[in-house]
């Protein structure tokens, strides 16, 4: 997961946090049932950013073989609930899912 705080157009703080979630096991629906109802995944956690303010919260899904090359990161479909953020140096392509205040 990534926390991104943009103080101005030129300064951005990124913090990596390891989660226990396993995205490889995520499915769009319960494969055991035949209802095809979408599954909703909730990821919870807490952390201290050390920098108070408003942060964009996102999930970074890197390719393990090319971890810090954003060309290979998994990007969720953009829409009302997902936006993308690319780091200027090309390390991260983050799926932004929301905003939180710390």
PDB file of N, CA and C in Angstrom:
ATOM      1  N   UNK A   1       0.852  -1.161   0.000  1.00  0.00           N
ATOM      2  CA  UNK A   1       0.000   0.000   0.000  1.00  0.00           C
ATOM      3  C   UNK A   1       0.895   1.220   0.000  1.00  0.00           C
ATOM      4  N   UNK A   2       0.433   2.300  -0.594  1.00  0.00           N
ATOM      5  CA  UNK A   2       1.155   3.549  -0.656  1.00  0.00           C
ATOM      6  C   UNK A   2       0.310   4.658  -0.041  1.00  0.00           C
ATOM      7  N   UNK A   3       0.965   5.523   0.670  1.00  0.00           N
ATOM      8  CA  UNK A   3       0.356   6.766   1.119  1.00  0.00           C
ATOM      9  C   UNK A   3       1.052   7.883   0.370  1.00  0.00           C
ATOM     10  N   UNK A   4       0.290   8.772  -0.201  1.00  0.00           N
ATOM     11  CA  UNK A   4       0.868   9.844  -1.006  1.00  0.00           C
ATOM     12  C   UNK A   4       0.346  11.172  -0.482  1.00  0.00           C
ATOM     13  N   UNK A   5       1.250  12.065  -0.114  1.00  0.00           N
ATOM     14  CA  UNK A   5       0.855  13.411   0.293  1.00  0.00           C
ATOM     15  C   UNK A   5       1.501  14.393  -0.659  1.00  0.00           C
ATOM     16  N   UNK A   6       0.668  15.181  -1.299  1.00  0.00           N
ATOM     17  CA  UNK A   6       1.200  16.183  -2.200  1.00  0.00           C
ATOM     18  C   UNK A   6       1.068  17.534  -1.534  1.00  0.00           C
ATOM     19  N   UNK A   7       2.196  18.088  -1.093  1.00  0.00           N
ATOM     20  CA  UNK A   7       2.178  19.385  -0.412  1.00  0.00           C
ATOM     21  C   UNK A   7       2.048  20.525  -1.407  1.00  0.00           C
ATOM     22  N   UNK A   8       2.693  20.389  -2.507  1.00  0.00           N
ATOM     23  CA  UNK A   8       2.557  21.360  -3.574  1.00  0.00           C
ATOM     24  C   UNK A   8       2.845  20.619  -4.882  1.00  0.00           C
ATOM     25  N   UNK A   9       2.941  21.314  -5.950  1.00  0.00           N
ATOM     26  CA  UNK A   9       3.124  20.676  -7.252  1.00  0.00           C
ATOM     27  C   UNK A   9       4.433  19.907  -7.338  1.00  0.00           C
ATOM     28  N   UNK A  10       5.418  20.242  -6.524  1.00  0.00           N
ATOM     29  CA  UNK A  10       6.751  19.672  -6.668  1.00  0.00           C
ATOM     30  C   UNK A  10       7.165  18.708  -5.561  1.00  0.00           C
ATOM     31  N   UNK A  11       6.452  18.665  -4.419  1.00  0.00           N
ATOM     32  CA  UNK A  11       6.852  17.794  -3.302  1.00  0.00           C
ATOM     33  C   UNK A  11       5.791  16.739  -3.050  1.00  0.00           C
ATOM     34  N   UNK A  12       6.188  15.492  -3.072  1.00  0.00           N
ATOM     35  CA  UNK A  12       5.300  14.376  -2.794  1.00  0.00           C
ATOM     36  C   UNK A  12       6.010  13.427  -1.844  1.00  0.00           C
ATOM     37  N   UNK A  13       5.308  12.969  -0.808  1.00  0.00           N
ATOM     38  CA  UNK A  13       5.849  12.002   0.133  1.00  0.00           C
ATOM     39  C   UNK A  13       5.175  10.662  -0.125  1.00  0.00           C
ATOM     40  N   UNK A  14       5.952   9.597  -0.268  1.00  0.00           N
ATOM     41  CA  UNK A  14       5.423   8.259  -0.488  1.00  0.00           C
ATOM     42  C   UNK A  14       5.906   7.367   0.642  1.00  0.00           C
ATOM     43  N   UNK A  15       5.005   6.582   1.210  1.00  0.00           N
ATOM     44  CA  UNK A  15       5.367   5.647   2.275  1.00  0.00           C
ATOM     45  C   UNK A  15       4.878   4.256   1.890  1.00  0.00           C
ATOM     46  N   UNK A  16       5.781   3.276   1.892  1.00  0.00           N
ATOM     47  CA  UNK A  16       5.418   1.884   1.609  1.00  0.00           C
ATOM     48  C   UNK A  16       5.037   1.196   2.907  1.00  0.00           C
ATOM     49  N   UNK A  17       3.945   0.444   2.889  1.00  0.00           N
ATOM     50  CA  UNK A  17       3.486  -0.329   4.036  1.00  0.00           C
ATOM     51  C   UNK A  17       3.161  -1.735   3.553  1.00  0.00           C
ATOM     52  N   UNK A  18       3.767  -2.743   4.162  1.00  0.00           N
ATOM     53  CA  UNK A  18       3.502  -4.128   3.792  1.00  0.00           C
ATOM     54  C   UNK A  18       2.184  -4.574   4.416  1.00  0.00           C
ATOM     55  N   UNK A  19       1.293  -5.158   3.618  1.00  0.00           N
ATOM     56  CA  UNK A  19       0.018  -5.664   4.112  1.00  0.00           C
ATOM     57  C   UNK A  19       0.021  -7.187   4.067  1.00  0.00           C
ATOM     58  N   UNK A  20      -0.859  -7.789   4.850  1.00  0.00           N
ATOM     59  CA  UNK A  20      -0.958  -9.245   4.846  1.00  0.00           C
ATOM     60  C   UNK A  20      -1.878  -9.746   3.734  1.00  0.00           C
ATOM     61  N   UNK A  21      -2.493  -8.852   2.984  1.00  0.00           N
ATOM     62  CA  UNK A  21      -3.388  -9.251   1.894  1.00  0.00           C
ATOM     63  C   UNK A  21      -2.599  -9.948   0.792  1.00  0.00           C
ATOM     64  N   UNK A  22      -3.235 -10.908   0.126  1.00  0.00           N
ATOM     65  CA  UNK A  22      -2.600 -11.643  -0.965  1.00  0.00           C
ATOM     66  C   UNK A  22      -3.409 -11.425  -2.249  1.00  0.00           C
ATOM     67  N   UNK A  23      -3.068 -10.400  -3.035  1.00  0.00           N
ATOM     68  CA  UNK A  23      -3.840 -10.077  -4.242  1.00  0.00           C
ATOM     69  C   UNK A  23      -3.926 -11.215  -5.260  1.00  0.00           C
ATOM     70  N   UNK A  24      -2.970 -12.136  -5.247  1.00  0.00           N
ATOM     71  CA  UNK A  24      -3.026 -13.257  -6.194  1.00  0.00           C
ATOM     72  C   UNK A  24      -4.263 -14.122  -5.981  1.00  0.00           C
ATOM     73  N   UNK A  25      -4.814 -14.093  -4.765  1.00  0.00           N
ATOM     74  CA  UNK A  25      -5.989 -14.914  -4.471  1.00  0.00           C
ATOM     75  C   UNK A  25      -7.307 -14.174  -4.696  1.00  0.00           C
ATOM     76  N   UNK A  26      -7.262 -12.901  -5.020  1.00  0.00           N
ATOM     77  CA  UNK A  26      -8.484 -12.122  -5.205  1.00  0.00           C
ATOM     78  C   UNK A  26      -9.222 -12.571  -6.463  1.00  0.00           C
ATOM     79  N   UNK A  27     -10.506 -12.751  -6.335  1.00  0.00           N
ATOM     80  CA  UNK A  27     -11.379 -13.122  -7.445  1.00  0.00           C
ATOM     81  C   UNK A  27     -12.487 -12.077  -7.548  1.00  0.00           C
ATOM     82  N   UNK A  28     -13.069 -11.890  -8.726  1.00  0.00           N
ATOM     83  CA  UNK A  28     -14.144 -10.899  -8.845  1.00  0.00           C
ATOM     84  C   UNK A  28     -15.453 -11.367  -8.212  1.00  0.00           C
ATOM     85  N   UNK A  29     -15.622 -12.692  -8.031  1.00  0.00           N
ATOM     86  CA  UNK A  29     -16.823 -13.230  -7.411  1.00  0.00           C
ATOM     87  C   UNK A  29     -16.464 -14.549  -6.732  1.00  0.00           C
ATOM     88  N   UNK A  30     -17.394 -15.054  -5.898  1.00  0.00           N
ATOM     89  CA  UNK A  30     -17.179 -16.306  -5.179  1.00  0.00           C
ATOM     90  C   UNK A  30     -17.229 -17.452  -6.185  1.00  0.00           C
ATOM     91  N   UNK A  31     -16.106 -18.066  -6.438  1.00  0.00           N
ATOM     92  CA  UNK A  31     -16.031 -19.118  -7.449  1.00  0.00           C
ATOM     93  C   UNK A  31     -16.739 -20.400  -7.009  1.00  0.00           C
ATOM     94  N   UNK A  32     -16.971 -20.574  -5.697  1.00  0.00           N
ATOM     95  CA  UNK A  32     -17.656 -21.778  -5.216  1.00  0.00           C
ATOM     96  C   UNK A  32     -19.166 -21.711  -5.452  1.00  0.00           C
ATOM     97  N   UNK A  33     -19.724 -20.514  -5.487  1.00  0.00           N
ATOM     98  CA  UNK A  33     -21.167 -20.376  -5.728  1.00  0.00           C
ATOM     99  C   UNK A  33     -21.398 -20.059  -7.199  1.00  0.00           C
ATOM    100  N   UNK A  34     -22.602 -20.211  -7.599  1.00  0.00           N
ATOM    101  CA  UNK A  34     -22.965 -19.892  -8.988  1.00  0.00           C
ATOM    102  C   UNK A  34     -23.752 -18.584  -9.069  1.00  0.00           C
ATOM    103  N   UNK A  35     -23.653 -17.751  -8.034  1.00  0.00           N
ATOM    104  CA  UNK A  35     -24.431 -16.504  -7.999  1.00  0.00           C
ATOM    105  C   UNK A  35     -23.750 -15.371  -8.744  1.00  0.00           C
ATOM    106  N   UNK A  36     -22.436 -15.428  -8.887  1.00  0.00           N
ATOM    107  CA  UNK A  36     -21.656 -14.406  -9.583  1.00  0.00           C
ATOM    108  C   UNK A  36     -21.841 -13.011  -8.984  1.00  0.00           C
ATOM    109  N   UNK A  37     -22.088 -12.964  -7.666  1.00  0.00           N
ATOM    110  CA  UNK A  37     -22.158 -11.675  -6.974  1.00  0.00           C
ATOM    111  C   UNK A  37     -20.734 -11.195  -6.726  1.00  0.00           C
ATOM    112  N   UNK A  38     -20.463  -9.912  -6.975  1.00  0.00           N
ATOM    113  CA  UNK A  38     -19.103  -9.386  -6.749  1.00  0.00           C
ATOM    114  C   UNK A  38     -18.679  -9.522  -5.289  1.00  0.00           C
ATOM    115  N   UNK A  39     -17.421  -9.800  -5.082  1.00  0.00           N
ATOM    116  CA  UNK A  39     -16.850  -9.850  -3.738  1.00  0.00           C
ATOM    117  C   UNK A  39     -16.269  -8.477  -3.426  1.00  0.00           C
ATOM    118  N   UNK A  40     -16.514  -8.011  -2.208  1.00  0.00           N
ATOM    119  CA  UNK A  40     -15.943  -6.753  -1.744  1.00  0.00           C
ATOM    120  C   UNK A  40     -14.810  -7.085  -0.787  1.00  0.00           C
ATOM    121  N   UNK A  41     -13.635  -6.559  -1.065  1.00  0.00           N
ATOM    122  CA  UNK A  41     -12.468  -6.786  -0.212  1.00  0.00           C
ATOM    123  C   UNK A  41     -12.232  -5.555   0.646  1.00  0.00           C
ATOM    124  N   UNK A  42     -11.984  -5.773   1.932  1.00  0.00           N
ATOM    125  CA  UNK A  42     -11.678  -4.689   2.861  1.00  0.00           C
ATOM    126  C   UNK A  42     -10.267  -4.887   3.386  1.00  0.00           C
ATOM    127  N   UNK A  43      -9.458  -3.867   3.286  1.00  0.00           N
ATOM    128  CA  UNK A  43      -8.107  -3.892   3.824  1.00  0.00           C
ATOM    129  C   UNK A  43      -8.059  -2.861   4.935  1.00  0.00           C
ATOM    130  N   UNK A  44      -7.681  -3.313   6.130  1.00  0.00           N
ATOM    131  CA  UNK A  44      -7.629  -2.410   7.272  1.00  0.00           C
ATOM    132  C   UNK A  44      -6.218  -2.352   7.826  1.00  0.00           C
ATOM    133  N   UNK A  45      -5.908  -1.263   8.447  1.00  0.00           N
ATOM    134  CA  UNK A  45      -4.601  -1.113   9.063  1.00  0.00           C
ATOM    135  C   UNK A  45      -4.479   0.258   9.690  1.00  0.00           C
ATOM    136  N   UNK A  46      -3.368   0.465  10.345  1.00  0.00           N
ATOM    137  CA  UNK A  46      -3.094   1.768  10.923  1.00  0.00           C
ATOM    138  C   UNK A  46      -1.600   2.033  10.826  1.00  0.00           C
ATOM    139  N   UNK A  47      -1.259   3.292  10.797  1.00  0.00           N
ATOM    140  CA  UNK A  47       0.140   3.675  10.728  1.00  0.00           C
ATOM    141  C   UNK A  47       0.275   5.123  11.116  1.00  0.00           C
ATOM    142  N   UNK A  48       1.484   5.494  11.423  1.00  0.00           N
ATOM    143  CA  UNK A  48       1.798   6.891  11.722  1.00  0.00           C
ATOM    144  C   UNK A  48       2.612   7.413  10.540  1.00  0.00           C
ATOM    145  N   UNK A  49       2.120   8.438   9.922  1.00  0.00           N
ATOM    146  CA  UNK A  49       2.816   8.993   8.765  1.00  0.00           C
ATOM    147  C   UNK A  49       3.958   9.903   9.172  1.00  0.00           C
ATOM    148  N   UNK A  50       3.851  10.518  10.343  1.00  0.00           N
ATOM    149  CA  UNK A  50       4.855  11.483  10.757  1.00  0.00           C
ATOM    150  C   UNK A  50       4.648  12.844  10.114  1.00  0.00           C
ATOM    151  N   UNK A  51       3.717  12.925   9.209  1.00  0.00           N
ATOM    152  CA  UNK A  51       3.421  14.172   8.503  1.00  0.00           C
ATOM    153  C   UNK A  51       1.909  14.365   8.494  1.00  0.00           C
ATOM    154  N   UNK A  52       1.372  15.241   9.358  1.00  0.00           N
ATOM    155  CA  UNK A  52      -0.073  15.428   9.372  1.00  0.00           C
ATOM    156  C   UNK A  52      -0.562  16.035   8.066  1.00  0.00           C
ATOM    157  N   UNK A  53      -1.778  15.676   7.721  1.00  0.00           N
ATOM    158  CA  UNK A  53      -2.373  16.247   6.522  1.00  0.00           C
ATOM    159  C   UNK A  53      -3.265  15.263   5.795  1.00  0.00           C
ATOM    160  N   UNK A  54      -3.662  15.623   4.599  1.00  0.00           N
ATOM    161  CA  UNK A  54      -4.544  14.809   3.769  1.00  0.00           C
ATOM    162  C   UNK A  54      -3.694  13.951   2.839  1.00  0.00           C
ATOM    163  N   UNK A  55      -3.988  12.648   2.794  1.00  0.00           N
ATOM    164  CA  UNK A  55      -3.232  11.701   1.976  1.00  0.00           C
ATOM    165  C   UNK A  55      -4.146  10.957   1.017  1.00  0.00           C
ATOM    166  N   UNK A  56      -3.638  10.697  -0.168  1.00  0.00           N
ATOM    167  CA  UNK A  56      -4.307   9.780  -1.080  1.00  0.00           C
ATOM    168  C   UNK A  56      -3.842   8.375  -0.717  1.00  0.00           C
ATOM    169  N   UNK A  57      -4.782   7.442  -0.593  1.00  0.00           N
ATOM    170  CA  UNK A  57      -4.480   6.071  -0.204  1.00  0.00           C
ATOM    171  C   UNK A  57      -4.617   5.189  -1.444  1.00  0.00           C
ATOM    172  N   UNK A  58      -3.618   4.348  -1.659  1.00  0.00           N
ATOM    173  CA  UNK A  58      -3.670   3.491  -2.834  1.00  0.00           C
ATOM    174  C   UNK A  58      -2.983   2.163  -2.624  1.00  0.00           C
ATOM    175  N   UNK A  59      -3.189   1.280  -3.554  1.00  0.00           N
ATOM    176  CA  UNK A  59      -2.550  -0.035  -3.545  1.00  0.00           C
ATOM    177  C   UNK A  59      -1.557  -0.081  -4.695  1.00  0.00           C
ATOM    178  N   UNK A  60      -0.352  -0.423  -4.353  1.00  0.00           N
ATOM    179  CA  UNK A  60       0.720  -0.593  -5.342  1.00  0.00           C
ATOM    180  C   UNK A  60       0.894  -2.087  -5.555  1.00  0.00           C
ATOM    181  N   UNK A  61       0.737  -2.547  -6.767  1.00  0.00           N
ATOM    182  CA  UNK A  61       0.831  -3.968  -7.099  1.00  0.00           C
ATOM    183  C   UNK A  61       1.982  -4.165  -8.088  1.00  0.00           C
ATOM    184  N   UNK A  62       3.214  -4.230  -7.560  1.00  0.00           N
ATOM    185  CA  UNK A  62       4.367  -4.355  -8.462  1.00  0.00           C
ATOM    186  C   UNK A  62       4.549  -5.780  -8.972  1.00  0.00           C
ATOM    187  N   UNK A  63       5.172  -5.895 -10.117  1.00  0.00           N
ATOM    188  CA  UNK A  63       5.625  -7.183 -10.626  1.00  0.00           C
ATOM    189  C   UNK A  63       6.872  -7.541  -9.818  1.00  0.00           C
ATOM    190  N   UNK A  64       6.902  -8.692  -9.132  1.00  0.00           N
ATOM    191  CA  UNK A  64       8.068  -9.031  -8.301  1.00  0.00           C
ATOM    192  C   UNK A  64       9.393  -9.028  -9.067  1.00  0.00           C
ATOM    193  N   UNK A  65       9.367  -9.344 -10.342  1.00  0.00           N
ATOM    194  CA  UNK A  65      10.601  -9.384 -11.132  1.00  0.00           C
ATOM    195  C   UNK A  65      11.076  -7.996 -11.544  1.00  0.00           C
ATOM    196  N   UNK A  66      10.184  -7.012 -11.490  1.00  0.00           N
ATOM    197  CA  UNK A  66      10.502  -5.639 -11.904  1.00  0.00           C
ATOM    198  C   UNK A  66       9.925  -4.658 -10.892  1.00  0.00           C
ATOM    199  N   UNK A  67      10.232  -4.858  -9.600  1.00  0.00           N
ATOM    200  CA  UNK A  67       9.555  -4.164  -8.504  1.00  0.00           C
ATOM    201  C   UNK A  67       9.510  -2.649  -8.641  1.00  0.00           C
ATOM    202  N   UNK A  68      10.568  -2.008  -8.988  1.00  0.00           N
ATOM    203  CA  UNK A  68      10.577  -0.547  -9.034  1.00  0.00           C
ATOM    204  C   UNK A  68      10.590   0.002 -10.452  1.00  0.00           C
ATOM    205  N   UNK A  69       9.884  -0.669 -11.338  1.00  0.00           N
ATOM    206  CA  UNK A  69       9.705  -0.188 -12.709  1.00  0.00           C
ATOM    207  C   UNK A  69       8.203  -0.141 -12.965  1.00  0.00           C
ATOM    208  N   UNK A  70       7.624   1.070 -12.914  1.00  0.00           N
ATOM    209  CA  UNK A  70       6.170   1.195 -12.964  1.00  0.00           C
ATOM    210  C   UNK A  70       5.533   0.739 -14.271  1.00  0.00           C
ATOM    211  N   UNK A  71       6.322   0.500 -15.283  1.00  0.00           N
ATOM    212  CA  UNK A  71       5.750  -0.010 -16.534  1.00  0.00           C
ATOM    213  C   UNK A  71       5.163  -1.402 -16.354  1.00  0.00           C
ATOM    214  N   UNK A  72       5.624  -2.140 -15.326  1.00  0.00           N
ATOM    215  CA  UNK A  72       5.180  -3.510 -15.100  1.00  0.00           C
ATOM    216  C   UNK A  72       4.205  -3.640 -13.935  1.00  0.00           C
ATOM    217  N   UNK A  73       3.893  -2.560 -13.245  1.00  0.00           N
ATOM    218  CA  UNK A  73       2.952  -2.615 -12.125  1.00  0.00           C
ATOM    219  C   UNK A  73       1.547  -2.941 -12.623  1.00  0.00           C
ATOM    220  N   UNK A  74       0.774  -3.644 -11.795  1.00  0.00           N
ATOM    221  CA  UNK A  74      -0.616  -3.962 -12.133  1.00  0.00           C
ATOM    222  C   UNK A  74      -1.461  -2.728 -11.864  1.00  0.00           C
ATOM    223  N   UNK A  75      -2.236  -2.351 -12.863  1.00  0.00           N
ATOM    224  CA  UNK A  75      -3.112  -1.190 -12.737  1.00  0.00           C
ATOM    225  C   UNK A  75      -4.559  -1.657 -12.816  1.00  0.00           C
ATOM    226  N   UNK A  76      -5.355  -1.275 -11.801  1.00  0.00           N
ATOM    227  CA  UNK A  76      -6.778  -1.584 -11.810  1.00  0.00           C
ATOM    228  C   UNK A  76      -7.476  -0.690 -12.828  1.00  0.00           C
ATOM    229  N   UNK A  77      -8.654  -1.116 -13.269  1.00  0.00           N
ATOM    230  CA  UNK A  77      -9.404  -0.319 -14.239  1.00  0.00           C
ATOM    231  C   UNK A  77      -9.775   1.023 -13.623  1.00  0.00           C
ATOM    232  N   UNK A  78      -9.439   2.141 -14.276  1.00  0.00           N
ATOM    233  CA  UNK A  78      -9.790   3.451 -13.720  1.00  0.00           C
ATOM    234  C   UNK A  78     -11.287   3.713 -13.831  1.00  0.00           C
ATOM    235  N   UNK A  79     -11.778   4.519 -12.921  1.00  0.00           N
ATOM    236  CA  UNK A  79     -13.201   4.859 -12.937  1.00  0.00           C
ATOM    237  C   UNK A  79     -13.532   5.751 -11.767  1.00  0.00           C
ATOM    238  N   UNK A  80     -14.781   5.652 -11.276  1.00  0.00           N
ATOM    239  CA  UNK A  80     -15.223   6.497 -10.169  1.00  0.00           C
ATOM    240  C   UNK A  80     -14.445   6.225  -8.885  1.00  0.00           C
ATOM    241  N   UNK A  81     -14.033   4.975  -8.660  1.00  0.00           N
ATOM    242  CA  UNK A  81     -13.388   4.619  -7.393  1.00  0.00           C
ATOM    243  C   UNK A  81     -11.888   4.407  -7.514  1.00  0.00           C
ATOM    244  N   UNK A  82     -11.341   4.395  -8.702  1.00  0.00           N
ATOM    245  CA  UNK A  82      -9.903   4.148  -8.879  1.00  0.00           C
ATOM    246  C   UNK A  82      -9.305   5.194  -9.818  1.00  0.00           C
ATOM    247  N   UNK A  83      -8.223   5.803  -9.361  1.00  0.00           N
ATOM    248  CA  UNK A  83      -7.421   6.690 -10.197  1.00  0.00           C
ATOM    249  C   UNK A  83      -5.989   6.179 -10.147  1.00  0.00           C
ATOM    250  N   UNK A  84      -5.173   6.578 -11.087  1.00  0.00           N
ATOM    251  CA  UNK A  84      -3.770   6.154 -11.084  1.00  0.00           C
ATOM    252  C   UNK A  84      -2.852   7.332 -10.778  1.00  0.00           C
ATOM    253  N   UNK A  85      -1.766   7.023 -10.088  1.00  0.00           N
ATOM    254  CA  UNK A  85      -0.709   8.002  -9.851  1.00  0.00           C
ATOM    255  C   UNK A  85       0.615   7.351 -10.204  1.00  0.00           C
ATOM    256  N   UNK A  86       1.406   8.014 -11.020  1.00  0.00           N
ATOM    257  CA  UNK A  86       2.726   7.538 -11.418  1.00  0.00           C
ATOM    258  C   UNK A  86       3.766   8.453 -10.786  1.00  0.00           C
ATOM    259  N   UNK A  87       4.760   7.869 -10.133  1.00  0.00           N
ATOM    260  CA  UNK A  87       5.819   8.687  -9.546  1.00  0.00           C
ATOM    261  C   UNK A  87       6.676   9.265 -10.664  1.00  0.00           C
ATOM    262  N   UNK A  88       7.157  10.482 -10.493  1.00  0.00           N
ATOM    263  CA  UNK A  88       7.930  11.133 -11.548  1.00  0.00           C
ATOM    264  C   UNK A  88       9.193  10.373 -11.959  1.00  0.00           C
ATOM    265  N   UNK A  89       9.801   9.652 -11.004  1.00  0.00           N
ATOM    266  CA  UNK A  89      11.040   8.932 -11.316  1.00  0.00           C
ATOM    267  C   UNK A  89      10.779   7.553 -11.916  1.00  0.00           C
ATOM    268  N   UNK A  90       9.507   7.148 -12.064  1.00  0.00           N
ATOM    269  CA  UNK A  90       9.181   5.881 -12.711  1.00  0.00           C
ATOM    270  C   UNK A  90       9.218   4.661 -11.814  1.00  0.00           C
ATOM    271  N   UNK A  91       9.244   4.850 -10.490  1.00  0.00           N
ATOM    272  CA  UNK A  91       9.294   3.707  -9.560  1.00  0.00           C
ATOM    273  C   UNK A  91       7.917   3.111  -9.273  1.00  0.00           C
ATOM    274  N   UNK A  92       6.884   3.936  -9.166  1.00  0.00           N
ATOM    275  CA  UNK A  92       5.580   3.481  -8.720  1.00  0.00           C
ATOM    276  C   UNK A  92       4.469   3.855  -9.706  1.00  0.00           C
ATOM    277  N   UNK A  93       3.522   2.922  -9.882  1.00  0.00           N
ATOM    278  CA  UNK A  93       2.232   3.208 -10.497  1.00  0.00           C
ATOM    279  C   UNK A  93       1.213   2.734  -9.470  1.00  0.00           C
ATOM    280  N   UNK A  94       0.577   3.665  -8.774  1.00  0.00           N
ATOM    281  CA  UNK A  94      -0.286   3.346  -7.634  1.00  0.00           C
ATOM    282  C   UNK A  94      -1.737   3.491  -8.041  1.00  0.00           C
ATOM    283  N   UNK A  95      -2.554   2.519  -7.610  1.00  0.00           N
ATOM    284  CA  UNK A  95      -4.002   2.560  -7.799  1.00  0.00           C
ATOM    285  C   UNK A  95      -4.589   3.326  -6.612  1.00  0.00           C
ATOM    286  N   UNK A  96      -4.945   4.588  -6.815  1.00  0.00           N
ATOM    287  CA  UNK A  96      -5.481   5.438  -5.751  1.00  0.00           C
ATOM    288  C   UNK A  96      -6.940   5.076  -5.521  1.00  0.00           C
ATOM    289  N   UNK A  97      -7.262   4.731  -4.258  1.00  0.00           N
ATOM    290  CA  UNK A  97      -8.603   4.271  -3.916  1.00  0.00           C
ATOM    291  C   UNK A  97      -9.388   5.237  -3.042  1.00  0.00           C
ATOM    292  N   UNK A  98      -8.716   6.219  -2.444  1.00  0.00           N
ATOM    293  CA  UNK A  98      -9.412   7.146  -1.570  1.00  0.00           C
ATOM    294  C   UNK A  98      -8.491   8.159  -0.951  1.00  0.00           C
ATOM    295  N   UNK A  99      -9.039   8.967  -0.054  1.00  0.00           N
ATOM    296  CA  UNK A  99      -8.303  10.023   0.633  1.00  0.00           C
ATOM    297  C   UNK A  99      -8.568   9.899   2.130  1.00  0.00           C
ATOM    298  N   UNK A 100      -7.538  10.141   2.945  1.00  0.00           N
ATOM    299  CA  UNK A 100      -7.684  10.090   4.397  1.00  0.00           C
ATOM    300  C   UNK A 100      -6.883  11.220   5.028  1.00  0.00           C
ATOM    301  N   UNK A 101      -7.321  11.652   6.188  1.00  0.00           N
ATOM    302  CA  UNK A 101      -6.603  12.675   6.955  1.00  0.00           C
ATOM    303  C   UNK A 101      -5.878  12.009   8.117  1.00  0.00           C
ATOM    304  N   UNK A 102      -4.628  12.433   8.349  1.00  0.00           N
ATOM    305  CA  UNK A 102      -3.842  11.920   9.464  1.00  0.00           C
ATOM    306  C   UNK A 102      -3.432  13.077  10.343  1.00  0.00           C
TER     307      UNK A 102
END
